[in-house]
C-alpha atoms as a PDB file:
ATOM      1  CA  MET A   1      30.524 279.564  57.498  1.00  0.00           C
ATOM      2  CA  LEU A   2      27.836 277.116  56.602  1.00  0.00           C
ATOM      3  CA  TYR A   3      25.381 279.235  58.643  1.00  0.00           C
ATOM      4  CA  TYR A   4      26.256 282.325  56.423  1.00  0.00           C
ATOM      5  CA  ALA A   5      25.697 280.272  53.264  1.00  0.00           C
ATOM      6  CA  ALA A   6      22.296 279.208  54.447  1.00  0.00           C
ATOM      7  CA  VAL A   7      21.449 282.791  55.395  1.00  0.00           C
ATOM      8  CA  PHE A   8      22.342 284.060  51.923  1.00  0.00           C
ATOM      9  CA  PHE A   9      20.327 281.327  50.372  1.00  0.00           C
ATOM     10  CA  VAL A  10      17.301 282.227  52.328  1.00  0.00           C
ATOM     11  CA  ILE A  11      17.857 285.852  51.383  1.00  0.00           C
ATOM     12  CA  ALA A  12      17.959 284.643  47.744  1.00  0.00           C
ATOM     13  CA  LEU A  13      14.715 282.788  48.105  1.00  0.00           C
ATOM     14  CA  VAL A  14      12.959 285.794  49.592  1.00  0.00           C
ATOM     15  CA  ALA A  15      14.292 288.141  47.088  1.00  0.00           C
ATOM     16  CA  ALA A  16      13.186 285.837  44.232  1.00  0.00           C
ATOM     17  CA  VAL A  17       9.627 285.486  45.668  1.00  0.00           C
ATOM     18  CA  PHE A  18       9.327 289.283  45.650  1.00  0.00           C
ATOM     19  CA  GLY A  19      10.769 289.659  42.263  1.00  0.00           C
ATOM     20  CA  PHE A  20      14.184 291.128  42.944  1.00  0.00           C
ATOM     21  CA  GLY A  21      16.120 289.034  40.459  1.00  0.00           C
ATOM     22  CA  GLY A  22      19.468 290.854  40.680  1.00  0.00           C
ATOM     23  CA  ILE A  23      19.539 290.728  44.489  1.00  0.00           C
ATOM     24  CA  ALA A  24      18.598 287.047  44.325  1.00  0.00           C
ATOM     25  CA  ALA A  25      21.357 286.306  41.884  1.00  0.00           C
ATOM     26  CA  GLY A  26      23.913 288.042  43.944  1.00  0.00           C
ATOM     27  CA  ALA A  27      22.818 286.292  47.152  1.00  0.00           C
ATOM     28  CA  VAL A  28      22.970 282.943  45.382  1.00  0.00           C
ATOM     29  CA  GLY A  29      26.453 283.709  44.140  1.00  0.00           C
ATOM     30  CA  ILE A  30      27.717 284.646  47.605  1.00  0.00           C
ATOM     31  CA  ALA A  31      25.954 281.525  49.056  1.00  0.00           C
ATOM     32  CA  LYS A  32      27.717 279.252  46.497  1.00  0.00           C
ATOM     33  CA  ILE A  33      31.117 280.721  47.258  1.00  0.00           C
ATOM     34  CA  LEU A  34      30.595 280.413  51.074  1.00  0.00           C
ATOM     35  CA  PHE A  35      29.461 276.879  50.694  1.00  0.00           C
ATOM     36  CA  LEU A  36      32.415 275.962  48.538  1.00  0.00           C
ATOM     37  CA  VAL A  37      34.812 277.467  50.985  1.00  0.00           C
ATOM     38  CA  PHE A  38      33.066 275.512  53.855  1.00  0.00           C
ATOM     39  CA  ALA A  39      33.335 272.272  51.836  1.00  0.00           C
ATOM     40  CA  VAL A  40      37.114 272.752  51.147  1.00  0.00           C
ATOM     41  CA  MET A  41      37.820 273.595  54.760  1.00  0.00           C
ATOM     42  CA  ALA A  42      35.760 270.647  56.057  1.00  0.00           C
ATOM     43  CA  ILE A  43      37.554 268.217  53.731  1.00  0.00           C
ATOM     44  CA  ALA A  44      40.950 269.722  54.639  1.00  0.00           C
ATOM     45  CA  SER A  45      40.169 269.415  58.296  1.00  0.00           C
ATOM     46  CA  PHE A  46      39.063 265.861  57.928  1.00  0.00           C
ATOM     47  CA  LEU A  47      42.146 264.875  55.973  1.00  0.00           C
ATOM     48  CA  LEU A  48      44.561 266.613  58.332  1.00  0.00           C
ATOM     49  CA  GLY A  49      42.890 265.131  61.419  1.00  0.00           C
ATOM     50  CA  TRP A  50      42.904 261.654  59.754  1.00  0.00           C
ATOM     51  CA  SER A  51      46.608 261.911  58.840  1.00  0.00           C
ATOM     52  CA  ARG A  52      47.622 262.890  62.411  1.00  0.00           C
ATOM     53  CA  ARG A  53      46.081 259.926  64.172  1.00  0.00           C
ATOM     54  CA  PRO A  54      48.680 257.591  65.756  1.00  0.00           C
END
C-alpha cells in the first residue's frame, strides 16, 4: 500500500511539472488516502502484535 502511495505521489509530481494541475491534485488526494490507510493498518498491526505477546 505504501508503494502505491509513493507511485501516486510521483505521478503528481510529474503532472505538476508539466502543468496538469487537476491531475496532480487528484493524484495527491489518492496518495494521501493510501498513506493514511497504510498508517492506520501499520499502527493496528503493531498494537495487535504487541498485545498478543506472552
